[in-house]
Amino acid sequence: MKLSSTEMGDVMILEPKGKIMGGPDATLLHDQLHDFIDRGKKKVVIDLAKVDWMNSTGLGILISGLTTLRNNGGELKLANVTEKIQSLLTITKLITVFECFDSLDEAVASFK
């Protein structure tokens, strides 16, 4: 997985690309979120448009990110959730835990 980040106003956008399967991916995302928190950036959207595949460990990484941000007074939302990931979230009932949006703009606007 490759991970890039951008900023839209006071919202941080994380853009993973490829497969999210744990191991180094978990460390990469975890470190990035802690960097945001340390800088006072607590509104985060993960744009899943370029994620081809995610396993249960990848879901765990998202849950960990959500928990980390909430424990620090922040919030994590998902944008551009692909059909595969949508069905994974539905099967695991995590669709009720994450706020999911069809576009990045909708996700960012939801913070206001």
N, C-alpha and C. Protein backbone atom coordinates (compact mmCIF):
# COMPACT_ATOMS: atom_id res chain seq x y z
N MET A 1 0.85 -1.19 0.00
CA MET A 1 0.00 0.00 0.00
C MET A 1 0.89 1.24 0.00
N LYS A 2 0.49 2.20 -0.80
CA LYS A 2 1.14 3.51 -0.78
C LYS A 2 0.17 4.46 -0.09
N LEU A 3 0.69 5.44 0.61
CA LEU A 3 -0.17 6.36 1.35
C LEU A 3 0.29 7.79 1.10
N SER A 4 -0.64 8.61 0.63
CA SER A 4 -0.33 10.04 0.48
C SER A 4 -1.38 10.82 1.25
N SER A 5 -1.04 12.06 1.56
CA SER A 5 -2.00 12.89 2.30
C SER A 5 -2.04 14.30 1.72
N THR A 6 -3.21 14.90 1.79
CA THR A 6 -3.41 16.28 1.38
C THR A 6 -4.30 16.93 2.42
N GLU A 7 -4.47 18.22 2.27
CA GLU A 7 -5.29 18.96 3.22
C GLU A 7 -6.35 19.76 2.47
N MET A 8 -7.59 19.68 2.94
CA MET A 8 -8.67 20.51 2.38
C MET A 8 -9.24 21.32 3.54
N GLY A 9 -8.84 22.57 3.63
CA GLY A 9 -9.26 23.39 4.77
C GLY A 9 -8.64 22.82 6.04
N ASP A 10 -9.49 22.48 7.01
CA ASP A 10 -8.97 21.91 8.26
C ASP A 10 -9.15 20.39 8.31
N VAL A 11 -9.42 19.77 7.15
CA VAL A 11 -9.60 18.32 7.08
C VAL A 11 -8.41 17.69 6.38
N MET A 12 -7.87 16.66 7.00
CA MET A 12 -6.76 15.92 6.41
C MET A 12 -7.32 14.77 5.58
N ILE A 13 -6.78 14.60 4.37
CA ILE A 13 -7.23 13.53 3.48
C ILE A 13 -6.11 12.51 3.35
N LEU A 14 -6.40 11.27 3.67
CA LEU A 14 -5.44 10.19 3.47
C LEU A 14 -5.86 9.40 2.25
N GLU A 15 -4.93 9.15 1.35
CA GLU A 15 -5.25 8.43 0.13
C GLU A 15 -4.37 7.18 -0.01
N PRO A 16 -4.87 6.07 0.55
CA PRO A 16 -4.13 4.82 0.35
C PRO A 16 -4.33 4.33 -1.08
N LYS A 17 -3.35 3.60 -1.60
CA LYS A 17 -3.44 3.08 -2.96
C LYS A 17 -2.92 1.64 -2.96
N GLY A 18 -3.69 0.75 -3.58
CA GLY A 18 -3.27 -0.65 -3.65
C GLY A 18 -4.09 -1.53 -2.72
N LYS A 19 -3.41 -2.43 -2.04
CA LYS A 19 -4.07 -3.37 -1.14
C LYS A 19 -3.77 -3.01 0.31
N ILE A 20 -4.78 -3.10 1.18
CA ILE A 20 -4.57 -2.84 2.61
C ILE A 20 -4.69 -4.18 3.33
N MET A 21 -3.55 -4.70 3.79
CA MET A 21 -3.55 -6.05 4.34
C MET A 21 -2.82 -6.20 5.67
N GLY A 22 -2.48 -5.13 6.33
CA GLY A 22 -1.82 -5.28 7.62
C GLY A 22 -0.31 -5.17 7.51
N GLY A 23 0.36 -5.62 8.56
CA GLY A 23 1.82 -5.54 8.60
C GLY A 23 2.29 -4.11 8.53
N PRO A 24 3.17 -3.79 7.56
CA PRO A 24 3.69 -2.42 7.45
C PRO A 24 2.59 -1.39 7.16
N ASP A 25 1.48 -1.83 6.53
CA ASP A 25 0.38 -0.91 6.25
C ASP A 25 -0.18 -0.32 7.53
N ALA A 26 -0.30 -1.17 8.55
CA ALA A 26 -0.86 -0.74 9.83
C ALA A 26 0.03 0.33 10.45
N THR A 27 1.33 0.09 10.43
CA THR A 27 2.29 1.03 11.01
C THR A 27 2.25 2.35 10.27
N LEU A 28 2.20 2.28 8.95
CA LEU A 28 2.18 3.48 8.11
C LEU A 28 0.97 4.37 8.45
N LEU A 29 -0.21 3.77 8.48
CA LEU A 29 -1.43 4.52 8.77
C LEU A 29 -1.43 5.04 10.20
N HIS A 30 -1.03 4.19 11.13
CA HIS A 30 -0.99 4.55 12.54
C HIS A 30 -0.07 5.76 12.76
N ASP A 31 1.13 5.69 12.19
CA ASP A 31 2.10 6.78 12.34
C ASP A 31 1.57 8.08 11.74
N GLN A 32 0.92 7.98 10.58
CA GLN A 32 0.38 9.16 9.91
C GLN A 32 -0.71 9.81 10.76
N LEU A 33 -1.61 8.99 11.33
CA LEU A 33 -2.69 9.53 12.17
C LEU A 33 -2.13 10.20 13.42
N HIS A 34 -1.10 9.59 14.02
CA HIS A 34 -0.50 10.20 15.21
C HIS A 34 0.20 11.51 14.88
N ASP A 35 0.77 11.57 13.68
CA ASP A 35 1.39 12.82 13.23
C ASP A 35 0.32 13.91 13.11
N PHE A 36 -0.84 13.57 12.51
CA PHE A 36 -1.94 14.53 12.40
C PHE A 36 -2.38 15.01 13.78
N ILE A 37 -2.58 14.06 14.70
CA ILE A 37 -3.04 14.39 16.06
C ILE A 37 -2.04 15.30 16.76
N ASP A 38 -0.75 14.98 16.62
CA ASP A 38 0.31 15.80 17.23
C ASP A 38 0.28 17.22 16.69
N ARG A 39 -0.13 17.38 15.44
CA ARG A 39 -0.21 18.70 14.81
C ARG A 39 -1.58 19.36 15.02
N GLY A 40 -2.45 18.71 15.81
CA GLY A 40 -3.77 19.28 16.09
C GLY A 40 -4.78 19.07 14.98
N LYS A 41 -4.48 18.19 14.03
CA LYS A 41 -5.38 17.91 12.91
C LYS A 41 -6.20 16.67 13.27
N LYS A 42 -7.46 16.89 13.61
CA LYS A 42 -8.26 15.77 14.11
C LYS A 42 -9.47 15.42 13.26
N LYS A 43 -9.57 16.04 12.10
CA LYS A 43 -10.64 15.70 11.15
C LYS A 43 -9.96 15.00 9.98
N VAL A 44 -10.26 13.72 9.83
CA VAL A 44 -9.57 12.92 8.81
C VAL A 44 -10.57 12.17 7.93
N VAL A 45 -10.32 12.20 6.63
CA VAL A 45 -11.09 11.41 5.68
C VAL A 45 -10.12 10.45 5.00
N ILE A 46 -10.48 9.18 4.95
CA ILE A 46 -9.69 8.23 4.18
C ILE A 46 -10.42 8.01 2.86
N ASP A 47 -9.75 8.37 1.77
CA ASP A 47 -10.31 8.24 0.43
C ASP A 47 -9.92 6.86 -0.11
N LEU A 48 -10.91 5.97 -0.22
CA LEU A 48 -10.64 4.59 -0.61
C LEU A 48 -10.76 4.33 -2.12
N ALA A 49 -10.83 5.38 -2.91
CA ALA A 49 -11.04 5.24 -4.36
C ALA A 49 -9.98 4.37 -5.03
N LYS A 50 -8.74 4.41 -4.55
CA LYS A 50 -7.65 3.68 -5.22
C LYS A 50 -7.24 2.41 -4.49
N VAL A 51 -8.09 1.97 -3.57
CA VAL A 51 -7.81 0.72 -2.85
C VAL A 51 -8.49 -0.42 -3.60
N ASP A 52 -7.68 -1.38 -4.11
CA ASP A 52 -8.29 -2.47 -4.88
C ASP A 52 -8.82 -3.56 -3.98
N TRP A 53 -8.20 -3.73 -2.83
CA TRP A 53 -8.55 -4.87 -2.01
C TRP A 53 -8.18 -4.62 -0.56
N MET A 54 -8.97 -5.20 0.35
CA MET A 54 -8.70 -5.07 1.78
C MET A 54 -9.13 -6.36 2.45
N ASN A 55 -8.31 -6.86 3.36
CA ASN A 55 -8.70 -8.06 4.10
C ASN A 55 -9.14 -7.67 5.51
N SER A 56 -9.38 -8.66 6.36
CA SER A 56 -9.88 -8.36 7.71
C SER A 56 -8.86 -7.55 8.51
N THR A 57 -7.59 -7.77 8.27
CA THR A 57 -6.56 -6.99 8.95
C THR A 57 -6.63 -5.53 8.51
N GLY A 58 -6.92 -5.32 7.23
CA GLY A 58 -7.10 -3.96 6.72
C GLY A 58 -8.26 -3.27 7.41
N LEU A 59 -9.35 -4.01 7.62
CA LEU A 59 -10.50 -3.46 8.36
C LEU A 59 -10.08 -3.09 9.78
N GLY A 60 -9.28 -3.95 10.38
CA GLY A 60 -8.78 -3.68 11.74
C GLY A 60 -7.97 -2.40 11.80
N ILE A 61 -7.20 -2.14 10.73
CA ILE A 61 -6.41 -0.90 10.65
C ILE A 61 -7.35 0.31 10.65
N LEU A 62 -8.45 0.23 9.88
CA LEU A 62 -9.42 1.34 9.83
C LEU A 62 -10.06 1.55 11.20
N ILE A 63 -10.43 0.45 11.86
CA ILE A 63 -11.06 0.54 13.19
C ILE A 63 -10.09 1.15 14.18
N SER A 64 -8.84 0.73 14.12
CA SER A 64 -7.81 1.28 15.00
C SER A 64 -7.65 2.78 14.77
N GLY A 65 -7.66 3.19 13.50
CA GLY A 65 -7.55 4.62 13.17
C GLY A 65 -8.72 5.42 13.71
N LEU A 66 -9.92 4.86 13.58
CA LEU A 66 -11.12 5.52 14.09
C LEU A 66 -11.03 5.67 15.61
N THR A 67 -10.63 4.60 16.28
CA THR A 67 -10.51 4.62 17.74
C THR A 67 -9.46 5.63 18.19
N THR A 68 -8.31 5.61 17.52
CA THR A 68 -7.22 6.54 17.85
C THR A 68 -7.70 7.99 17.77
N LEU A 69 -8.37 8.32 16.67
CA LEU A 69 -8.84 9.70 16.49
C LEU A 69 -9.92 10.06 17.51
N ARG A 70 -10.89 9.17 17.72
CA ARG A 70 -11.96 9.45 18.68
C ARG A 70 -11.41 9.63 20.10
N ASN A 71 -10.42 8.82 20.46
CA ASN A 71 -9.81 8.93 21.79
C ASN A 71 -9.07 10.25 21.98
N ASN A 72 -8.75 10.90 20.87
CA ASN A 72 -8.05 12.18 20.91
C ASN A 72 -8.95 13.34 20.50
N GLY A 73 -10.26 13.12 20.55
CA GLY A 73 -11.22 14.18 20.24
C GLY A 73 -11.42 14.44 18.76
N GLY A 74 -11.07 13.49 17.92
CA GLY A 74 -11.19 13.67 16.48
C GLY A 74 -12.22 12.74 15.87
N GLU A 75 -12.25 12.72 14.54
CA GLU A 75 -13.21 11.88 13.83
C GLU A 75 -12.59 11.41 12.51
N LEU A 76 -12.95 10.19 12.12
CA LEU A 76 -12.47 9.60 10.88
C LEU A 76 -13.68 9.22 10.03
N LYS A 77 -13.65 9.60 8.76
CA LYS A 77 -14.74 9.27 7.84
C LYS A 77 -14.16 8.64 6.58
N LEU A 78 -14.98 7.88 5.87
CA LEU A 78 -14.53 7.20 4.66
C LEU A 78 -15.20 7.81 3.43
N ALA A 79 -14.43 7.94 2.36
CA ALA A 79 -14.97 8.47 1.10
C ALA A 79 -14.65 7.51 -0.03
N ASN A 80 -15.49 7.54 -1.07
CA ASN A 80 -15.28 6.73 -2.27
C ASN A 80 -15.10 5.25 -1.94
N VAL A 81 -15.97 4.74 -1.09
CA VAL A 81 -15.90 3.34 -0.70
C VAL A 81 -16.29 2.48 -1.91
N THR A 82 -15.39 1.61 -2.33
CA THR A 82 -15.65 0.76 -3.50
C THR A 82 -16.70 -0.30 -3.14
N GLU A 83 -17.26 -0.91 -4.16
CA GLU A 83 -18.29 -1.92 -3.95
C GLU A 83 -17.78 -3.09 -3.10
N LYS A 84 -16.55 -3.53 -3.36
CA LYS A 84 -15.96 -4.64 -2.60
C LYS A 84 -15.83 -4.28 -1.12
N ILE A 85 -15.33 -3.09 -0.85
CA ILE A 85 -15.13 -2.68 0.54
C ILE A 85 -16.48 -2.42 1.20
N GLN A 86 -17.42 -1.87 0.45
CA GLN A 86 -18.78 -1.64 0.96
C GLN A 86 -19.38 -2.97 1.43
N SER A 87 -19.23 -4.03 0.64
CA SER A 87 -19.81 -5.31 1.03
C SER A 87 -19.09 -5.88 2.24
N LEU A 88 -17.79 -5.66 2.35
CA LEU A 88 -17.02 -6.09 3.52
C LEU A 88 -17.52 -5.37 4.77
N LEU A 89 -17.75 -4.07 4.65
CA LEU A 89 -18.27 -3.28 5.79
C LEU A 89 -19.68 -3.74 6.17
N THR A 90 -20.49 -4.08 5.18
CA THR A 90 -21.86 -4.52 5.43
C THR A 90 -21.87 -5.88 6.13
N ILE A 91 -21.10 -6.84 5.61
CA ILE A 91 -21.04 -8.19 6.19
C ILE A 91 -20.58 -8.14 7.65
N THR A 92 -19.60 -7.30 7.94
CA THR A 92 -19.04 -7.21 9.29
C THR A 92 -19.81 -6.25 10.20
N LYS A 93 -20.87 -5.65 9.65
CA LYS A 93 -21.70 -4.67 10.38
C LYS A 93 -20.94 -3.38 10.73
N LEU A 94 -19.77 -3.21 10.15
CA LEU A 94 -18.99 -1.99 10.41
C LEU A 94 -19.56 -0.80 9.66
N ILE A 95 -20.48 -1.05 8.76
CA ILE A 95 -21.14 0.03 8.02
C ILE A 95 -21.87 0.95 9.00
N THR A 96 -22.22 0.42 10.17
CA THR A 96 -22.90 1.22 11.19
C THR A 96 -21.91 2.01 12.06
N VAL A 97 -20.63 1.65 11.95
CA VAL A 97 -19.60 2.30 12.76
C VAL A 97 -18.96 3.47 12.02
N PHE A 98 -18.73 3.27 10.73
CA PHE A 98 -18.07 4.30 9.92
C PHE A 98 -19.09 5.16 9.18
N GLU A 99 -18.79 6.44 9.09
CA GLU A 99 -19.58 7.32 8.22
C GLU A 99 -18.95 7.22 6.85
N CYS A 100 -19.73 6.78 5.87
CA CYS A 100 -19.23 6.59 4.50
C CYS A 100 -19.90 7.58 3.55
N PHE A 101 -19.11 8.11 2.63
CA PHE A 101 -19.62 9.08 1.67
C PHE A 101 -19.22 8.68 0.26
N ASP A 102 -20.06 9.04 -0.71
CA ASP A 102 -19.82 8.68 -2.11
C ASP A 102 -18.69 9.50 -2.73
N SER A 103 -18.42 10.67 -2.17
CA SER A 103 -17.35 11.50 -2.74
C SER A 103 -16.54 12.15 -1.63
N LEU A 104 -15.36 12.57 -2.01
CA LEU A 104 -14.46 13.25 -1.08
C LEU A 104 -15.07 14.56 -0.61
N ASP A 105 -15.67 15.31 -1.54
CA ASP A 105 -16.28 16.59 -1.19
C ASP A 105 -17.39 16.44 -0.15
N GLU A 106 -18.22 15.38 -0.31
CA GLU A 106 -19.29 15.15 0.66
C GLU A 106 -18.72 14.83 2.03
N ALA A 107 -17.69 14.02 2.07
CA ALA A 107 -17.06 13.64 3.34
C ALA A 107 -16.47 14.85 4.04
N VAL A 108 -15.76 15.68 3.29
CA VAL A 108 -15.15 16.89 3.87
C VAL A 108 -16.24 17.85 4.36
N ALA A 109 -17.29 18.03 3.55
CA ALA A 109 -18.39 18.93 3.93
C ALA A 109 -19.12 18.46 5.18
N SER A 110 -19.12 17.17 5.44
CA SER A 110 -19.84 16.64 6.60
C SER A 110 -19.24 17.09 7.93
N PHE A 111 -18.02 17.57 7.93
CA PHE A 111 -17.39 18.04 9.16
C PHE A 111 -17.88 19.42 9.59
N LYS A 112 -18.50 20.16 8.67
CA LYS A 112 -18.87 21.56 8.98
C LYS A 112 -20.19 21.65 9.68
